[in-house]
Protein backbone atom coordinates (compact mmCIF):
# COMPACT_ATOMS: atom_id res chain seq x y z
CA MET A 1 -67.78 27.66 21.04
CA ALA A 2 -68.83 29.97 17.82
CA HIS A 3 -68.58 28.49 14.56
CA ALA A 4 -66.72 32.08 13.32
CA LEU A 5 -64.20 33.83 15.26
CA ILE A 6 -62.35 37.06 14.49
CA LEU A 7 -59.14 37.26 16.14
CA VAL A 8 -56.82 40.64 16.16
CA SER A 9 -53.31 40.87 16.71
CA VAL A 10 -51.96 44.56 17.53
CA SER A 11 -48.27 45.45 17.67
CA PRO A 12 -46.22 48.54 16.76
CA GLY A 13 -46.98 49.66 13.35
CA GLU A 14 -49.23 46.80 12.46
CA VAL A 15 -52.64 45.08 12.79
CA ARG A 16 -53.14 41.45 11.68
CA THR A 17 -56.64 40.02 11.93
CA ALA A 18 -57.57 36.38 11.22
CA LEU A 19 -60.92 34.74 10.44
CA LEU A 20 -61.22 31.62 11.94
CA GLN A 21 -64.18 29.17 10.94
CA ARG A 22 -64.65 25.68 13.02
CA GLY A 23 -60.95 26.18 13.75
CA THR A 24 -59.59 26.77 10.59
CA LEU A 25 -58.20 29.92 9.14
CA ARG A 26 -60.24 31.41 6.30
CA GLU A 27 -59.01 35.07 5.79
CA ALA A 28 -55.83 36.58 6.76
CA TRP A 29 -55.18 40.55 6.68
CA VAL A 30 -51.97 42.47 7.41
CA GLU A 31 -52.58 46.25 7.91
CA ARG A 32 -50.37 49.33 8.80
CA PRO A 33 -52.65 51.89 10.01
CA ALA A 34 -50.08 54.43 8.97
CA ARG A 35 -50.06 53.30 5.51
CA PRO A 36 -53.66 52.29 4.79
CA ASP A 37 -55.01 50.93 1.45
CA GLY A 38 -57.55 53.38 1.42
CA VAL A 39 -60.44 51.11 0.39
CA GLY A 40 -63.74 52.83 1.39
CA ASP A 41 -62.21 55.99 2.18
CA LEU A 42 -64.71 59.25 1.52
CA GLN A 43 -62.58 61.73 -0.41
CA ARG A 44 -63.53 65.03 -2.38
CA GLY A 45 -61.38 64.55 -5.61
CA ARG A 46 -61.08 66.87 -8.43
CA VAL A 47 -61.25 65.80 -12.26
CA ALA A 48 -57.46 65.82 -13.61
CA ALA A 49 -58.06 64.71 -16.83
CA VAL A 50 -61.01 63.13 -19.04
CA ALA A 51 -59.78 60.09 -20.74
CA SER A 52 -62.88 59.02 -23.06
CA ALA A 53 -60.60 56.68 -25.04
CA MET A 54 -60.19 54.79 -21.52
CA ALA A 55 -64.09 55.10 -20.66
CA GLY A 56 -62.89 56.93 -17.49
CA ALA A 57 -61.55 60.03 -15.97
CA PHE A 58 -58.22 60.32 -13.75
CA VAL A 59 -59.02 62.26 -10.53
CA THR A 60 -56.80 64.34 -7.94
CA LEU A 61 -57.13 62.67 -4.64
CA ALA A 62 -55.80 63.89 -0.96
CA GLY A 63 -51.99 64.03 -0.90
CA GLY A 64 -51.81 64.71 -4.41
CA GLU A 65 -52.32 60.95 -5.27
CA THR A 66 -54.03 59.96 -8.64
CA GLY A 67 -57.07 57.65 -9.04
CA PHE A 68 -59.34 56.69 -11.91
CA LEU A 69 -63.08 56.85 -12.03
CA PRO A 70 -64.52 54.63 -14.71
CA GLU A 71 -67.32 56.17 -16.86
CA ARG A 72 -69.73 53.75 -14.86
CA GLU A 73 -69.09 55.14 -11.83
CA ALA A 74 -69.19 58.62 -12.54
CA GLY A 75 -72.96 58.78 -11.84
CA ASP A 76 -75.53 58.08 -14.76
CA ALA A 77 -73.75 55.12 -16.46
CA ARG A 78 -75.66 55.52 -19.62
CA ARG A 79 -73.95 59.03 -20.30
CA PRO A 80 -70.14 58.99 -21.84
CA ILE A 81 -67.41 60.31 -19.18
CA GLY A 82 -67.26 63.53 -21.17
CA ALA A 83 -70.82 64.49 -20.90
CA ALA A 84 -70.42 63.59 -16.96
CA VAL A 85 -67.42 65.11 -15.69
CA GLN A 86 -64.94 67.97 -16.90
CA GLU A 87 -61.51 69.14 -15.91
CA GLY A 88 -61.25 70.91 -12.60
CA MET A 89 -64.60 69.84 -11.33
CA ALA A 90 -64.68 68.66 -7.75
CA LEU A 91 -66.51 65.40 -6.97
CA PRO A 92 -67.56 63.28 -3.72
CA LEU A 93 -65.71 60.17 -4.07
CA ARG A 94 -65.30 56.69 -2.40
CA ILE A 95 -62.41 54.29 -3.27
CA LEU A 96 -63.33 51.13 -4.72
CA ARG A 97 -59.92 49.30 -4.92
CA ALA A 98 -56.93 50.06 -3.70
CA ALA A 99 -53.76 50.76 -5.52
CA GLN A 100 -51.80 47.66 -6.55
CA GLY A 101 -49.87 46.24 -9.35
CA GLY A 102 -48.81 49.51 -10.49
CA LYS A 103 -51.97 51.29 -10.84
CA GLY A 104 -53.61 53.73 -8.83
CA PRO A 105 -56.88 53.67 -6.67
CA ARG A 106 -60.15 53.17 -8.38
CA ALA A 107 -62.83 55.56 -7.29
CA THR A 108 -66.91 55.78 -7.63
CA ALA A 109 -68.86 58.81 -7.58
CA ARG A 110 -72.22 56.92 -6.95
CA LEU A 111 -72.78 57.59 -3.38
CA VAL A 112 -75.57 56.95 -0.63
CA PRO A 113 -77.08 59.92 0.20
CA ALA A 114 -75.38 59.48 3.64
CA GLU A 115 -71.60 59.46 2.07
CA ALA A 116 -72.36 62.18 -0.17
CA ALA A 117 -73.73 64.49 2.51
CA ARG A 118 -70.72 63.87 4.92
CA ILE A 119 -68.53 64.92 2.33
CA ALA A 120 -70.58 68.04 1.27
CA ALA A 121 -70.24 69.41 5.03
CA ALA A 122 -66.25 69.41 4.65
CA PRO A 123 -64.41 72.70 4.20
CA PRO A 124 -64.46 73.36 0.59
CA GLY A 125 -61.12 73.53 -1.32
CA ALA A 126 -58.67 71.27 -2.62
CA PRO A 127 -58.70 67.42 -2.71
CA LEU A 128 -59.64 66.15 0.85
CA LEU A 129 -59.60 62.80 3.07
CA VAL A 130 -63.33 62.79 4.93
CA ALA A 131 -63.12 59.65 6.53
CA ARG A 132 -61.22 56.59 6.30
CA GLY A 133 -62.59 53.01 5.36
CA PRO A 134 -63.11 50.29 7.75
CA MET A 135 -60.15 47.76 8.66
CA ALA A 136 -60.15 44.00 8.26
CA ALA A 137 -61.71 43.30 11.42
CA GLU A 138 -64.80 45.78 10.74
CA ARG A 139 -65.34 44.07 7.38
CA LEU A 140 -65.16 40.72 8.70
CA ALA A 141 -67.62 41.52 11.31
CA LEU A 142 -70.09 42.92 9.09
CA ASN A 143 -70.04 39.92 6.83
CA HIS A 144 -70.07 37.38 9.87
CA PRO A 145 -72.61 39.19 12.58
CA GLU A 146 -72.34 35.94 14.88
CA ALA A 147 -68.64 36.23 14.75
CA GLU A 148 -66.97 37.49 18.29
CA VAL A 149 -64.36 39.56 17.91
CA GLN A 150 -60.93 39.15 20.03
CA VAL A 151 -58.44 41.71 20.32
CA ASP A 152 -54.98 41.77 22.60
CA SER A 153 -54.84 45.48 22.73
CA ALA A 154 -57.54 47.46 24.88
CA ALA A 155 -56.82 50.85 22.75
CA HIS A 156 -57.62 49.22 19.57
CA ALA A 157 -60.49 47.24 21.12
CA ALA A 158 -61.90 50.52 22.47
CA ARG A 159 -62.17 51.81 18.78
CA LEU A 160 -63.34 48.55 17.43
CA ARG A 161 -66.24 49.02 20.10
CA ALA A 162 -67.48 52.41 18.70
CA THR A 163 -68.84 50.32 15.26
CA LEU A 164 -69.03 46.47 16.67
CA GLY A 165 -70.31 47.26 20.19
CA GLY A 166 -70.21 44.43 22.76
CA ARG A 167 -68.95 41.89 20.20
CA VAL A 168 -65.54 42.96 21.20
CA ARG A 169 -63.49 41.34 23.61
CA VAL A 170 -60.05 41.89 24.87
CA VAL A 171 -57.80 38.89 25.39
CA PRO A 172 -54.31 38.61 27.07
CA ALA A 173 -51.78 39.17 24.22
CA PRO A 174 -50.85 37.47 22.11
CA ALA A 175 -54.26 37.04 20.66
CA PHE A 176 -52.62 34.66 17.65
CA ASP A 177 -51.25 31.05 19.26
CA ASP A 178 -48.24 29.24 17.95
CA ALA A 179 -49.89 27.65 15.06
CA LEU A 180 -51.84 30.52 13.71
CA GLU A 181 -48.16 32.55 13.80
CA GLY A 182 -47.13 29.49 11.89
CA GLU A 183 -49.76 29.73 9.50
CA PHE A 184 -49.02 33.62 8.68
CA ASP A 185 -45.28 32.84 8.21
CA LEU A 186 -46.22 30.44 5.62
CA LEU A 187 -48.38 33.07 3.77
CA ALA A 188 -45.13 35.30 3.50
CA GLY A 189 -43.52 32.70 1.26
CA PRO A 190 -43.71 31.10 -2.27
CA GLU A 191 -44.13 27.30 -1.08
CA VAL A 192 -47.00 25.42 0.30
CA PRO A 193 -46.66 21.51 1.12
CA LEU A 194 -49.75 19.38 0.00
CA PRO A 195 -51.41 16.49 1.50
CA GLY A 196 -49.88 13.38 0.60
CA GLY A 197 -46.40 14.77 -0.86
CA GLY A 198 -45.67 17.78 -3.44
CA ARG A 199 -46.35 21.28 -2.88
CA LEU A 200 -47.80 24.48 -4.47
CA LEU A 201 -45.13 27.46 -5.61
CA VAL A 202 -47.10 30.66 -5.88
CA HIS A 203 -45.12 33.18 -8.69
CA PRO A 204 -46.74 36.44 -8.65
CA THR A 205 -45.91 38.78 -11.48
CA PRO A 206 -47.26 42.69 -12.25
CA ALA A 207 -49.48 40.90 -15.07
CA LEU A 208 -50.77 37.74 -13.19
CA THR A 209 -50.03 35.07 -10.70
CA ALA A 210 -48.59 31.63 -11.67
CA ILE A 211 -49.09 28.86 -9.33
CA ASP A 212 -47.13 25.69 -9.99
CA MET A 213 -48.51 22.32 -8.50
CA ASP A 214 -45.43 20.12 -8.12
CA ALA A 215 -45.81 16.56 -7.33
CA GLY A 216 -42.49 15.92 -5.82
CA SER A 217 -41.38 12.45 -5.27
CA VAL A 218 -45.20 11.21 -5.91
CA ALA A 219 -44.49 11.90 -10.03
CA GLY A 220 -42.33 8.59 -10.59
CA ALA A 221 -42.90 6.50 -7.44
CA ARG A 222 -46.59 5.64 -7.10
CA GLY A 223 -47.66 5.82 -10.63
CA ALA A 224 -50.34 7.98 -12.93
CA GLN A 225 -53.20 7.27 -10.62
CA ALA A 226 -51.40 8.79 -7.68
CA VAL A 227 -50.61 11.89 -9.51
CA VAL A 228 -54.29 12.58 -10.14
CA ALA A 229 -55.23 11.91 -6.74
CA LEU A 230 -52.83 14.71 -5.67
CA ASN A 231 -53.95 16.92 -7.86
CA ARG A 232 -57.41 16.19 -7.18
CA ASP A 233 -56.93 16.37 -3.28
CA ALA A 234 -54.60 19.45 -3.77
CA LEU A 235 -57.43 21.80 -4.94
CA PRO A 236 -58.83 22.70 -1.60
CA VAL A 237 -55.72 24.14 -0.62
CA LEU A 238 -55.24 25.58 -3.71
CA ALA A 239 -58.32 27.51 -3.42
CA ARG A 240 -57.66 28.19 0.52
CA GLN A 241 -54.29 29.67 -0.36
CA ILE A 242 -55.37 31.93 -3.47
CA ARG A 243 -58.38 33.47 -0.63
CA LEU A 244 -55.63 33.69 2.34
CA ARG A 245 -53.44 35.54 0.35
CA ASN A 246 -55.82 37.40 -1.72
CA LEU A 247 -54.86 37.10 -4.72
CA GLY A 248 -56.46 39.19 -7.10
CA GLY A 249 -57.03 39.48 -11.23
CA ILE A 250 -55.54 36.39 -13.43
CA ILE A 251 -54.29 33.30 -11.72
CA LEU A 252 -52.95 30.65 -13.65
CA VAL A 253 -52.47 27.08 -12.43
CA ASP A 254 -50.21 24.39 -13.79
CA PHE A 255 -51.36 21.00 -12.56
CA ALA A 256 -48.63 18.29 -12.33
CA GLY A 257 -47.99 15.58 -14.61
CA LEU A 258 -51.19 15.39 -16.45
CA SER A 259 -52.33 16.11 -19.94
CA PRO A 260 -54.42 19.00 -21.22
CA ARG A 261 -57.47 16.76 -21.70
CA ARG A 262 -56.98 14.97 -18.13
CA ARG A 263 -56.59 18.17 -16.43
CA GLU A 264 -60.20 19.49 -17.70
CA ALA A 265 -61.58 16.70 -15.76
CA LEU A 266 -60.37 18.85 -12.79
CA ALA A 267 -62.97 21.87 -13.79
CA GLU A 268 -65.92 20.73 -11.38
CA PRO A 269 -63.93 19.57 -8.40
CA LEU A 270 -62.04 22.94 -8.81
CA ARG A 271 -65.21 25.23 -9.29
CA ALA A 272 -66.69 23.38 -6.06
CA ALA A 273 -63.11 24.15 -4.03
CA LEU A 274 -63.73 27.94 -4.97
CA ALA A 275 -67.48 28.15 -4.12
CA ALA A 276 -66.74 29.61 -0.76
CA ASP A 277 -64.74 32.46 -2.38
CA PRO A 278 -67.32 34.94 -3.53
CA ALA A 279 -64.45 36.97 -5.35
CA ALA A 280 -63.17 34.01 -7.30
CA ARG A 281 -64.36 31.85 -10.49
CA LEU A 282 -62.84 29.18 -13.28
CA VAL A 283 -62.96 30.77 -16.59
CA GLY A 284 -61.46 27.50 -17.89
CA PHE A 285 -58.25 25.95 -19.16
CA THR A 286 -56.06 27.34 -21.72
CA GLY A 287 -54.70 25.54 -25.06
CA LEU A 288 -51.81 24.50 -22.63
CA GLY A 289 -54.03 22.93 -20.10
CA LEU A 290 -53.64 26.00 -17.71
CA ALA A 291 -56.46 26.39 -15.52
CA GLU A 292 -57.25 30.10 -15.57
CA ILE A 293 -58.87 31.88 -12.52
CA VAL A 294 -60.05 35.32 -12.37
CA ARG A 295 -60.36 36.79 -9.12
CA ASP A 296 -61.73 40.42 -8.13
CA ARG A 297 -59.41 43.19 -7.24
CA VAL A 298 -60.15 45.35 -4.11
CA HIS A 299 -57.53 45.17 -1.58
CA PRO A 300 -53.55 44.48 -2.41
CA PRO A 301 -52.64 41.02 -2.44
CA LEU A 302 -50.45 39.65 0.95
CA HIS A 303 -47.36 39.67 -1.17
CA GLU A 304 -47.82 43.69 -1.92
CA VAL A 305 -48.19 44.43 1.82
CA LEU A 306 -45.35 42.05 2.83
CA GLY A 307 -43.12 42.46 0.12
CA TRP A 308 -41.58 39.65 -2.08
CA PRO A 309 -39.35 38.35 -0.66
CA PRO A 310 -40.39 40.05 2.47
CA SER A 311 -39.20 43.79 2.73
CA PRO A 312 -37.04 45.21 5.09
CA LEU A 313 -40.14 46.88 6.98
CA THR A 314 -41.79 43.63 7.20
CA ARG A 315 -39.06 42.13 9.00
CA GLY A 316 -38.55 45.15 10.98
CA LEU A 317 -41.93 45.23 12.20
CA ALA A 318 -41.68 41.36 12.94
CA ALA A 319 -38.51 42.00 14.99
CA LEU A 320 -40.98 44.97 17.15
CA ARG A 321 -43.64 42.40 17.69
CA ARG A 322 -41.04 39.89 19.09
CA ALA A 323 -39.20 42.76 21.16
CA MET A 324 -42.89 43.78 22.69
CA ARG A 325 -43.54 39.84 23.79
CA GLU A 326 -39.68 39.92 25.39
CA ALA A 327 -40.93 43.31 27.19
CA ALA A 328 -44.09 41.75 28.48
CA ALA A 329 -42.13 38.84 29.79
CA ARG A 330 -39.66 40.76 31.51
CA PRO A 331 -41.15 44.29 32.28
CA GLY A 332 -38.60 47.14 32.79
CA ARG A 333 -36.21 45.39 30.47
CA ARG A 334 -34.33 47.70 28.14
CA LEU A 335 -33.68 46.41 24.74
CA VAL A 336 -31.52 47.29 21.73
CA LEU A 337 -32.57 46.15 18.16
CA ARG A 338 -29.37 45.20 16.05
CA ALA A 339 -30.30 44.82 12.17
CA PRO A 340 -29.32 45.74 9.08
CA PRO A 341 -29.31 49.99 8.14
CA GLY A 342 -32.45 49.06 5.41
CA VAL A 343 -34.60 47.53 8.10
CA ILE A 344 -33.67 50.20 10.71
CA ALA A 345 -34.45 52.96 8.19
CA ALA A 346 -37.93 51.51 7.26
CA ILE A 347 -39.12 51.18 10.87
CA GLU A 348 -37.96 54.84 11.54
CA ALA A 349 -40.18 55.80 8.61
CA LEU A 350 -43.32 54.53 9.59
CA PRO A 351 -45.15 56.70 11.56
CA GLY A 352 -45.77 55.88 15.14
CA ALA A 353 -44.37 52.47 15.08
CA LEU A 354 -41.41 53.55 17.49
CA ASP A 355 -44.04 55.43 19.52
CA GLU A 356 -46.19 52.68 19.97
CA PHE A 357 -43.69 50.44 21.28
CA ALA A 358 -42.03 52.57 23.89
CA ALA A 359 -45.94 52.99 25.19
CA GLY A 360 -46.67 49.52 25.16
CA ALA A 361 -43.26 48.27 26.81
CA GLY A 362 -42.89 51.03 28.95
CA THR A 363 -39.47 51.94 27.37
CA PRO A 364 -37.97 52.89 24.51
CA LEU A 365 -36.11 50.69 21.90
CA ARG A 366 -32.86 51.43 21.01
CA LEU A 367 -31.95 50.99 17.16
CA HIS A 368 -28.24 49.77 16.45
CA PRO A 369 -27.94 49.79 12.60
CA ASP A 370 -25.36 47.05 11.91
CA PRO A 371 -24.35 47.16 8.23
CA LEU A 372 -22.76 43.45 8.64
CA ALA A 373 -25.99 41.77 9.92
CA SER A 374 -27.95 40.06 7.75
CA GLU A 375 -31.72 40.46 7.42
CA ALA A 376 -32.20 37.18 9.11
CA GLU A 377 -30.07 38.01 12.13
CA VAL A 378 -32.78 40.43 12.97
CA GLU A 379 -35.17 37.17 14.46
CA GLU A 380 -32.41 37.18 17.20
CA ALA A 381 -31.51 40.98 17.59
CA ALA A 382 -33.50 42.37 20.86
CA HIS A 383 -31.52 42.11 23.77
CA ASP A 384 -30.72 43.85 26.86
CA ARG A 385 -28.63 47.19 26.49
């Protein structure tokens, strides 16, 4: 078996991608193709306003979205932004960072010749999306050239083969086994169990992500050394969860039951645990003993994709995924989904999701909004009409 394996699970409205290394989940991605995050997109944009005080410019992108072009990405990094661009100027752009945390996407005008030529060949006029950026499976395949890509959708596999060639193999649905499904479910919530007891509690905010290490019963039952050991043994779990959840920006970690001086002794083990993630680095410890980690922001963190708690769309797409499996197990069965109106509305508003279900199941899914249904009941809502 290859050391790295990329699994792609395709369901109506959603593509979930997992990178496994030696059987362990290392990266987890959830994408809604009808609402891509835009990273890697090639666009013709237009300068809306030069913001010299912010060392950049606001640019209008396709569809009227506003992005930000940093001064260092406007061409010659030695020139101030006001000398590099002017309001109304059309610019070839590539999106560097997705919109997230309430801020718009970040763009660059520093393109390779092939990218610039592709945008230049597009019809002139208003801001325009010229080409979409790569999805998770393509990005992972580029970083792991030895990995096979297994996909449970023939149509999606055909699209991936256009760029990845013979590395792509179609497998029977579902591509994810129960254990992997369980790991993805865990990533949708704030609590992560720790080896030996205790838990991590993940708390995203618009400004930063706080992670609390809770020793639980270990704190008083086994003495100070047990608490030290729990914190140390939790470091690989902490680093792995940061990467799996694609947390970005400032991350503060509150260790369990240790004085600020004793917490600093965890610095080198924490750096070692983070070493496998090139996007993350330990900055140091605050005066209160919180570990301060910074991780590059590129794609939205998983909690923004899924919602926190899971959004009506996330719950609805999970219900469609389960209904597809039921339809595959019993072909010809006509299903109805009973769910709260907000869940039904979210499914209907996502372009293509219901069409994809009908094409895959061979029959449309009937949607039944029920104001009395709770979101938890969506899990058991698919049944015979």
